[in-house]
Amino acid sequence: MRNSVNKQLLVSTVVLLALSGTGAWAEENRGCSDATLHGEYAFTVSGQIFLPSGVSILRQGVALTHFDGAGNLTQVDEVLSSPNATVVAGAPVDPETGFHDQETGTYRVHADCTGTFTVQFPPNVSSSGTVPGAKLTVRFVLSNHGRDIDTIVTSITPPGAPGPVPALIHSEGHKLGLAESD
């Protein structure tokens, strides 16, 4: 009889521990919102764009993105295109930093710390006319209490293109500033 009671206690304890661990994980990973993603994030960008002609273009770069905590973003970047390591043209350039600027977008963070954002690049204006700027659609996962973000581009529409083209572009972002200021 005593052995049966001990087994029941052991089973009950294991079940309670398992459930409390699951609850803690769920609660910890269900606490994200748009407000979790706020401040300046530095990104490294790497990947490829696959054009309808069959040509793939390598991309490497850096970006600085400001998330406002309410679903809006602004961004500056410097992206190189390979094989010639040329600067990707298009967005206006900040005269002081040399980075492309005037990139804007929106984002949404889900309770499980996943989310999506879009980046709309400004239109290209030339003597030939105005061409709509590129548009990126990105999925992401937040970690480290919103201090780190891993992204994958799910869609890219090149400037003036009729629609999106396949891409395989990944970036990692890290929040700037001290942890105490969060």
Foldseek 3Di string as FASTA:
>chain_A
DVVVVVVVVVVVVVVVVVVVVVVVLLQVQLADWLLLAFAKKKKWKWWWFQDPVRDIKTKTWIKIKGRHSPFKIWIWIWMAIDPVRHTDDFADADPVPRTRGPKMWTKIAGSSQKIKIKIFGCWHQDPVGTWGAKMWIKIWGADPSSQKIKIFTQWMAHTNRPGTTDIGMIMIIGHDDDPVVD
